[in-house]
Amino acid sequence: MITARERQENLRFVSAVKTAFRRLEDSVKGGDSSAIETAHKSLVSRIDKAVKSGALHRNSGSRKKSRAARVRSRLS
């Protein structure tokens, strides 16, 4: 079924975004600035790909990128 395949694809995109966000948070906790930048860049890329494919709404993608920027700026 086409819809089942598309649903699985969308879930893969969303799951990848969530995983990348967790990696960003872990990098911020670790405090390594190069790892933080790499994780943030990867997360933004995954969000953009998910929005482009239609797995995420563009406003939802913007909200997630904004949240990621706030997390990155904490640098705790």
PDB file of N, CA and C in Angstrom:
ATOM      1  N   MET A   1       0.831  -1.188   0.000  1.00  0.00           N
ATOM      2  CA  MET A   1       0.000   0.000   0.000  1.00  0.00           C
ATOM      3  C   MET A   1       0.877   1.253   0.000  1.00  0.00           C
ATOM      4  N   ILE A   2       0.479   2.181  -0.782  1.00  0.00           N
ATOM      5  CA  ILE A   2       1.250   3.416  -0.906  1.00  0.00           C
ATOM      6  C   ILE A   2       1.167   4.245   0.370  1.00  0.00           C
ATOM      7  N   THR A   3      -0.024   4.345   0.945  1.00  0.00           N
ATOM      8  CA  THR A   3      -0.176   5.179   2.136  1.00  0.00           C
ATOM      9  C   THR A   3       0.629   4.649   3.309  1.00  0.00           C
ATOM     10  N   ALA A   4       0.705   3.328   3.436  1.00  0.00           N
ATOM     11  CA  ALA A   4       1.470   2.736   4.524  1.00  0.00           C
ATOM     12  C   ALA A   4       2.951   3.043   4.354  1.00  0.00           C
ATOM     13  N   ARG A   5       3.432   2.955   3.114  1.00  0.00           N
ATOM     14  CA  ARG A   5       4.842   3.264   2.844  1.00  0.00           C
ATOM     15  C   ARG A   5       5.133   4.734   3.129  1.00  0.00           C
ATOM     16  N   GLU A   6       4.238   5.622   2.702  1.00  0.00           N
ATOM     17  CA  GLU A   6       4.426   7.053   2.938  1.00  0.00           C
ATOM     18  C   GLU A   6       4.384   7.375   4.427  1.00  0.00           C
ATOM     19  N   ARG A   7       3.511   6.704   5.163  1.00  0.00           N
ATOM     20  CA  ARG A   7       3.424   6.920   6.600  1.00  0.00           C
ATOM     21  C   ARG A   7       4.722   6.518   7.287  1.00  0.00           C
ATOM     22  N   GLN A   8       5.272   5.375   6.891  1.00  0.00           N
ATOM     23  CA  GLN A   8       6.540   4.928   7.448  1.00  0.00           C
ATOM     24  C   GLN A   8       7.673   5.913   7.126  1.00  0.00           C
ATOM     25  N   GLU A   9       7.640   6.447   5.913  1.00  0.00           N
ATOM     26  CA  GLU A   9       8.651   7.422   5.516  1.00  0.00           C
ATOM     27  C   GLU A   9       8.542   8.688   6.371  1.00  0.00           C
ATOM     28  N   ASN A  10       7.316   9.151   6.585  1.00  0.00           N
ATOM     29  CA  ASN A  10       7.108  10.339   7.413  1.00  0.00           C
ATOM     30  C   ASN A  10       7.564  10.091   8.850  1.00  0.00           C
ATOM     31  N   LEU A  11       7.268   8.905   9.378  1.00  0.00           N
ATOM     32  CA  LEU A  11       7.698   8.575  10.733  1.00  0.00           C
ATOM     33  C   LEU A  11       9.217   8.540  10.840  1.00  0.00           C
ATOM     34  N   ARG A  12       9.882   8.063   9.774  1.00  0.00           N
ATOM     35  CA  ARG A  12      11.346   8.051   9.760  1.00  0.00           C
ATOM     36  C   ARG A  12      11.907   9.466   9.844  1.00  0.00           C
ATOM     37  N   PHE A  13      11.320  10.388   9.075  1.00  0.00           N
ATOM     38  CA  PHE A  13      11.771  11.776   9.098  1.00  0.00           C
ATOM     39  C   PHE A  13      11.581  12.395  10.481  1.00  0.00           C
ATOM     40  N   VAL A  14      10.404  12.207  11.060  1.00  0.00           N
ATOM     41  CA  VAL A  14      10.101  12.788  12.364  1.00  0.00           C
ATOM     42  C   VAL A  14      10.992  12.186  13.446  1.00  0.00           C
ATOM     43  N   SER A  15      11.208  10.888  13.381  1.00  0.00           N
ATOM     44  CA  SER A  15      12.062  10.222  14.349  1.00  0.00           C
ATOM     45  C   SER A  15      13.501  10.726  14.249  1.00  0.00           C
ATOM     46  N   ALA A  16      13.975  10.947  13.034  1.00  0.00           N
ATOM     47  CA  ALA A  16      15.335  11.457  12.841  1.00  0.00           C
ATOM     48  C   ALA A  16      15.485  12.847  13.440  1.00  0.00           C
ATOM     49  N   VAL A  17      14.447  13.663  13.329  1.00  0.00           N
ATOM     50  CA  VAL A  17      14.478  15.004  13.915  1.00  0.00           C
ATOM     51  C   VAL A  17      14.552  14.903  15.434  1.00  0.00           C
ATOM     52  N   LYS A  18      13.751  14.026  16.019  1.00  0.00           N
ATOM     53  CA  LYS A  18      13.752  13.872  17.475  1.00  0.00           C
ATOM     54  C   LYS A  18      15.115  13.375  17.976  1.00  0.00           C
ATOM     55  N   THR A  19      15.696  12.423  17.256  1.00  0.00           N
ATOM     56  CA  THR A  19      16.994  11.888  17.640  1.00  0.00           C
ATOM     57  C   THR A  19      18.066  12.971  17.557  1.00  0.00           C
ATOM     58  N   ALA A  20      18.032  13.753  16.487  1.00  0.00           N
ATOM     59  CA  ALA A  20      19.018  14.827  16.324  1.00  0.00           C
ATOM     60  C   ALA A  20      18.855  15.872  17.426  1.00  0.00           C
ATOM     61  N   PHE A  21      17.618  16.123  17.847  1.00  0.00           N
ATOM     62  CA  PHE A  21      17.398  17.083  18.931  1.00  0.00           C
ATOM     63  C   PHE A  21      17.981  16.566  20.238  1.00  0.00           C
ATOM     64  N   ARG A  22      17.814  15.283  20.503  1.00  0.00           N
ATOM     65  CA  ARG A  22      18.398  14.693  21.711  1.00  0.00           C
ATOM     66  C   ARG A  22      19.921  14.776  21.678  1.00  0.00           C
ATOM     67  N   ARG A  23      20.496  14.554  20.508  1.00  0.00           N
ATOM     68  CA  ARG A  23      21.956  14.659  20.376  1.00  0.00           C
ATOM     69  C   ARG A  23      22.425  16.082  20.644  1.00  0.00           C
ATOM     70  N   LEU A  24      21.650  17.066  20.181  1.00  0.00           N
ATOM     71  CA  LEU A  24      21.996  18.460  20.445  1.00  0.00           C
ATOM     72  C   LEU A  24      21.957  18.740  21.939  1.00  0.00           C
ATOM     73  N   GLU A  25      20.914  18.280  22.611  1.00  0.00           N
ATOM     74  CA  GLU A  25      20.814  18.493  24.054  1.00  0.00           C
ATOM     75  C   GLU A  25      21.971  17.825  24.790  1.00  0.00           C
ATOM     76  N   ASP A  26      22.350  16.614  24.377  1.00  0.00           N
ATOM     77  CA  ASP A  26      23.476  15.920  25.009  1.00  0.00           C
ATOM     78  C   ASP A  26      24.781  16.673  24.777  1.00  0.00           C
ATOM     79  N   SER A  27      24.944  17.232  23.578  1.00  0.00           N
ATOM     80  CA  SER A  27      26.147  18.008  23.279  1.00  0.00           C
ATOM     81  C   SER A  27      26.222  19.254  24.141  1.00  0.00           C
ATOM     82  N   VAL A  28      25.072  19.894  24.359  1.00  0.00           N
ATOM     83  CA  VAL A  28      25.041  21.094  25.191  1.00  0.00           C
ATOM     84  C   VAL A  28      25.406  20.731  26.625  1.00  0.00           C
ATOM     85  N   LYS A  29      24.907  19.601  27.097  1.00  0.00           N
ATOM     86  CA  LYS A  29      25.261  19.161  28.454  1.00  0.00           C
ATOM     87  C   LYS A  29      26.750  18.859  28.559  1.00  0.00           C
ATOM     88  N   GLY A  30      27.330  18.315  27.474  1.00  0.00           N
ATOM     89  CA  GLY A  30      28.748  18.007  27.461  1.00  0.00           C
ATOM     90  C   GLY A  30      29.609  19.256  27.426  1.00  0.00           C
ATOM     91  N   GLY A  31      29.125  20.307  26.775  1.00  0.00           N
ATOM     92  CA  GLY A  31      29.842  21.576  26.758  1.00  0.00           C
ATOM     93  C   GLY A  31      30.869  21.739  25.651  1.00  0.00           C
ATOM     94  N   ASP A  32      31.017  20.765  24.773  1.00  0.00           N
ATOM     95  CA  ASP A  32      31.980  20.875  23.676  1.00  0.00           C
ATOM     96  C   ASP A  32      31.376  21.709  22.553  1.00  0.00           C
ATOM     97  N   SER A  33      31.931  22.892  22.323  1.00  0.00           N
ATOM     98  CA  SER A  33      31.304  23.829  21.381  1.00  0.00           C
ATOM     99  C   SER A  33      31.322  23.319  19.943  1.00  0.00           C
ATOM    100  N   SER A  34      32.369  22.590  19.536  1.00  0.00           N
ATOM    101  CA  SER A  34      32.387  22.083  18.159  1.00  0.00           C
ATOM    102  C   SER A  34      31.328  20.993  17.971  1.00  0.00           C
ATOM    103  N   ALA A  35      31.125  20.161  18.995  1.00  0.00           N
ATOM    104  CA  ALA A  35      30.090  19.127  18.927  1.00  0.00           C
ATOM    105  C   ALA A  35      28.705  19.760  18.907  1.00  0.00           C
ATOM    106  N   ILE A  36      28.546  20.853  19.635  1.00  0.00           N
ATOM    107  CA  ILE A  36      27.257  21.559  19.665  1.00  0.00           C
ATOM    108  C   ILE A  36      26.941  22.116  18.287  1.00  0.00           C
ATOM    109  N   GLU A  37      27.914  22.756  17.655  1.00  0.00           N
ATOM    110  CA  GLU A  37      27.698  23.328  16.318  1.00  0.00           C
ATOM    111  C   GLU A  37      27.376  22.243  15.300  1.00  0.00           C
ATOM    112  N   THR A  38      28.092  21.125  15.368  1.00  0.00           N
ATOM    113  CA  THR A  38      27.853  20.018  14.447  1.00  0.00           C
ATOM    114  C   THR A  38      26.449  19.441  14.646  1.00  0.00           C
ATOM    115  N   ALA A  39      26.060  19.241  15.896  1.00  0.00           N
ATOM    116  CA  ALA A  39      24.738  18.686  16.191  1.00  0.00           C
ATOM    117  C   ALA A  39      23.640  19.649  15.753  1.00  0.00           C
ATOM    118  N   HIS A  40      23.853  20.946  15.962  1.00  0.00           N
ATOM    119  CA  HIS A  40      22.844  21.933  15.570  1.00  0.00           C
ATOM    120  C   HIS A  40      22.694  21.977  14.055  1.00  0.00           C
ATOM    121  N   LYS A  41      23.802  21.945  13.347  1.00  0.00           N
ATOM    122  CA  LYS A  41      23.757  21.973  11.883  1.00  0.00           C
ATOM    123  C   LYS A  41      23.034  20.735  11.339  1.00  0.00           C
ATOM    124  N   SER A  42      23.323  19.585  11.934  1.00  0.00           N
ATOM    125  CA  SER A  42      22.677  18.336  11.530  1.00  0.00           C
ATOM    126  C   SER A  42      21.169  18.387  11.791  1.00  0.00           C
ATOM    127  N   LEU A  43      20.795  18.929  12.955  1.00  0.00           N
ATOM    128  CA  LEU A  43      19.380  19.024  13.304  1.00  0.00           C
ATOM    129  C   LEU A  43      18.635  19.930  12.339  1.00  0.00           C
ATOM    130  N   VAL A  44      19.196  21.090  12.041  1.00  0.00           N
ATOM    131  CA  VAL A  44      18.534  22.027  11.130  1.00  0.00           C
ATOM    132  C   VAL A  44      18.377  21.398   9.746  1.00  0.00           C
ATOM    133  N   SER A  45      19.396  20.674   9.313  1.00  0.00           N
ATOM    134  CA  SER A  45      19.332  20.001   8.018  1.00  0.00           C
ATOM    135  C   SER A  45      18.207  18.960   8.000  1.00  0.00           C
ATOM    136  N   ARG A  46      18.106  18.179   9.066  1.00  0.00           N
ATOM    137  CA  ARG A  46      17.059  17.155   9.135  1.00  0.00           C
ATOM    138  C   ARG A  46      15.667  17.779   9.176  1.00  0.00           C
ATOM    139  N   ILE A  47      15.547  18.889   9.887  1.00  0.00           N
ATOM    140  CA  ILE A  47      14.255  19.574   9.948  1.00  0.00           C
ATOM    141  C   ILE A  47      13.872  20.079   8.559  1.00  0.00           C
ATOM    142  N   ASP A  48      14.822  20.688   7.865  1.00  0.00           N
ATOM    143  CA  ASP A  48      14.549  21.202   6.526  1.00  0.00           C
ATOM    144  C   ASP A  48      14.139  20.092   5.566  1.00  0.00           C
ATOM    145  N   LYS A  49      14.810  18.939   5.668  1.00  0.00           N
ATOM    146  CA  LYS A  49      14.460  17.809   4.806  1.00  0.00           C
ATOM    147  C   LYS A  49      13.061  17.289   5.128  1.00  0.00           C
ATOM    148  N   ALA A  50      12.716  17.241   6.412  1.00  0.00           N
ATOM    149  CA  ALA A  50      11.388  16.766   6.814  1.00  0.00           C
ATOM    150  C   ALA A  50      10.303  17.720   6.314  1.00  0.00           C
ATOM    151  N   VAL A  51      10.570  19.016   6.377  1.00  0.00           N
ATOM    152  CA  VAL A  51       9.600  20.003   5.887  1.00  0.00           C
ATOM    153  C   VAL A  51       9.463  19.887   4.372  1.00  0.00           C
ATOM    154  N   LYS A  52      10.591  19.746   3.694  1.00  0.00           N
ATOM    155  CA  LYS A  52      10.573  19.653   2.235  1.00  0.00           C
ATOM    156  C   LYS A  52       9.787  18.437   1.755  1.00  0.00           C
ATOM    157  N   SER A  53       9.906  17.327   2.487  1.00  0.00           N
ATOM    158  CA  SER A  53       9.204  16.109   2.084  1.00  0.00           C
ATOM    159  C   SER A  53       7.732  16.123   2.490  1.00  0.00           C
ATOM    160  N   GLY A  54       7.364  17.044   3.379  1.00  0.00           N
ATOM    161  CA  GLY A  54       5.971  17.112   3.813  1.00  0.00           C
ATOM    162  C   GLY A  54       5.702  16.357   5.099  1.00  0.00           C
ATOM    163  N   ALA A  55       6.739  15.801   5.711  1.00  0.00           N
ATOM    164  CA  ALA A  55       6.549  15.065   6.961  1.00  0.00           C
ATOM    165  C   ALA A  55       6.251  16.016   8.111  1.00  0.00           C
ATOM    166  N   LEU A  56       6.770  17.249   8.025  1.00  0.00           N
ATOM    167  CA  LEU A  56       6.497  18.281   9.021  1.00  0.00           C
ATOM    168  C   LEU A  56       5.914  19.504   8.321  1.00  0.00           C
ATOM    169  N   HIS A  57       4.997  20.165   8.986  1.00  0.00           N
ATOM    170  CA  HIS A  57       4.488  21.438   8.484  1.00  0.00           C
ATOM    171  C   HIS A  57       5.580  22.485   8.625  1.00  0.00           C
ATOM    172  N   ARG A  58       5.604  23.467   7.734  1.00  0.00           N
ATOM    173  CA  ARG A  58       6.704  24.441   7.775  1.00  0.00           C
ATOM    174  C   ARG A  58       6.713  25.262   9.055  1.00  0.00           C
ATOM    175  N   ASN A  59       5.542  25.556   9.616  1.00  0.00           N
ATOM    176  CA  ASN A  59       5.521  26.294  10.884  1.00  0.00           C
ATOM    177  C   ASN A  59       6.078  25.442  12.023  1.00  0.00           C
ATOM    178  N   SER A  60       5.780  24.166  11.980  1.00  0.00           N
ATOM    179  CA  SER A  60       6.313  23.243  12.982  1.00  0.00           C
ATOM    180  C   SER A  60       7.829  23.152  12.851  1.00  0.00           C
ATOM    181  N   GLY A  61       8.313  23.123  11.629  1.00  0.00           N
ATOM    182  CA  GLY A  61       9.748  23.101  11.403  1.00  0.00           C
ATOM    183  C   GLY A  61      10.414  24.363  11.919  1.00  0.00           C
ATOM    184  N   SER A  62       9.790  25.501  11.681  1.00  0.00           N
ATOM    185  CA  SER A  62      10.342  26.769  12.171  1.00  0.00           C
ATOM    186  C   SER A  62      10.375  26.798  13.690  1.00  0.00           C
ATOM    187  N   ARG A  63       9.329  26.273  14.314  1.00  0.00           N
ATOM    188  CA  ARG A  63       9.271  26.235  15.774  1.00  0.00           C
ATOM    189  C   ARG A  63      10.384  25.352  16.332  1.00  0.00           C
ATOM    190  N   LYS A  64      10.618  24.215  15.691  1.00  0.00           N
ATOM    191  CA  LYS A  64      11.668  23.310  16.151  1.00  0.00           C
ATOM    192  C   LYS A  64      13.053  23.930  15.964  1.00  0.00           C
ATOM    193  N   LYS A  65      13.261  24.649  14.864  1.00  0.00           N
ATOM    194  CA  LYS A  65      14.556  25.303  14.647  1.00  0.00           C
ATOM    195  C   LYS A  65      14.776  26.413  15.669  1.00  0.00           C
ATOM    196  N   SER A  66      13.717  27.134  16.010  1.00  0.00           N
ATOM    197  CA  SER A  66      13.824  28.187  17.011  1.00  0.00           C
ATOM    198  C   SER A  66      14.167  27.597  18.370  1.00  0.00           C
ATOM    199  N   ARG A  67      13.514  26.499  18.708  1.00  0.00           N
ATOM    200  CA  ARG A  67      13.782  25.826  19.971  1.00  0.00           C
ATOM    201  C   ARG A  67      15.219  25.317  20.012  1.00  0.00           C
ATOM    202  N   ALA A  68      15.702  24.802  18.881  1.00  0.00           N
ATOM    203  CA  ALA A  68      17.071  24.309  18.813  1.00  0.00           C
ATOM    204  C   ALA A  68      18.062  25.448  19.002  1.00  0.00           C
ATOM    205  N   ALA A  69      17.768  26.622  18.451  1.00  0.00           N
ATOM    206  CA  ALA A  69      18.653  27.770  18.609  1.00  0.00           C
ATOM    207  C   ALA A  69      18.706  28.200  20.070  1.00  0.00           C
ATOM    208  N   ARG A  70      17.568  28.129  20.759  1.00  0.00           N
ATOM    209  CA  ARG A  70      17.555  28.473  22.196  1.00  0.00           C
ATOM    210  C   ARG A  70      18.390  27.482  22.993  1.00  0.00           C
ATOM    211  N   VAL A  71      18.260  26.205  22.674  1.00  0.00           N
ATOM    212  CA  VAL A  71      19.026  25.171  23.368  1.00  0.00           C
ATOM    213  C   VAL A  71      20.517  25.377  23.103  1.00  0.00           C
ATOM    214  N   ARG A  72      20.869  25.680  21.863  1.00  0.00           N
ATOM    215  CA  ARG A  72      22.276  25.887  21.512  1.00  0.00           C
ATOM    216  C   ARG A  72      22.849  27.081  22.246  1.00  0.00           C
ATOM    217  N   SER A  73      22.059  28.114  22.417  1.00  0.00           N
ATOM    218  CA  SER A  73      22.563  29.330  23.048  1.00  0.00           C
ATOM    219  C   SER A  73      22.764  29.172  24.555  1.00  0.00           C
ATOM    220  N   ARG A  74      22.154  28.146  25.146  1.00  0.00           N
ATOM    221  CA  ARG A  74      22.342  27.907  26.592  1.00  0.00           C
ATOM    222  C   ARG A  74      23.785  27.609  26.926  1.00  0.00           C
ATOM    223  N   LEU A  75      24.385  26.725  26.134  1.00  0.00           N
ATOM    224  CA  LEU A  75      25.783  26.328  26.326  1.00  0.00           C
ATOM    225  C   LEU A  75      26.153  26.086  27.777  1.00  0.00           C
ATOM    226  N   SER A  76      25.283  25.373  28.472  1.00  0.00           N
ATOM    227  CA  SER A  76      25.534  25.099  29.886  1.00  0.00           C
ATOM    228  C   SER A  76      26.632  24.132  30.052  1.00  0.00           C
TER     229      SER A  76
END
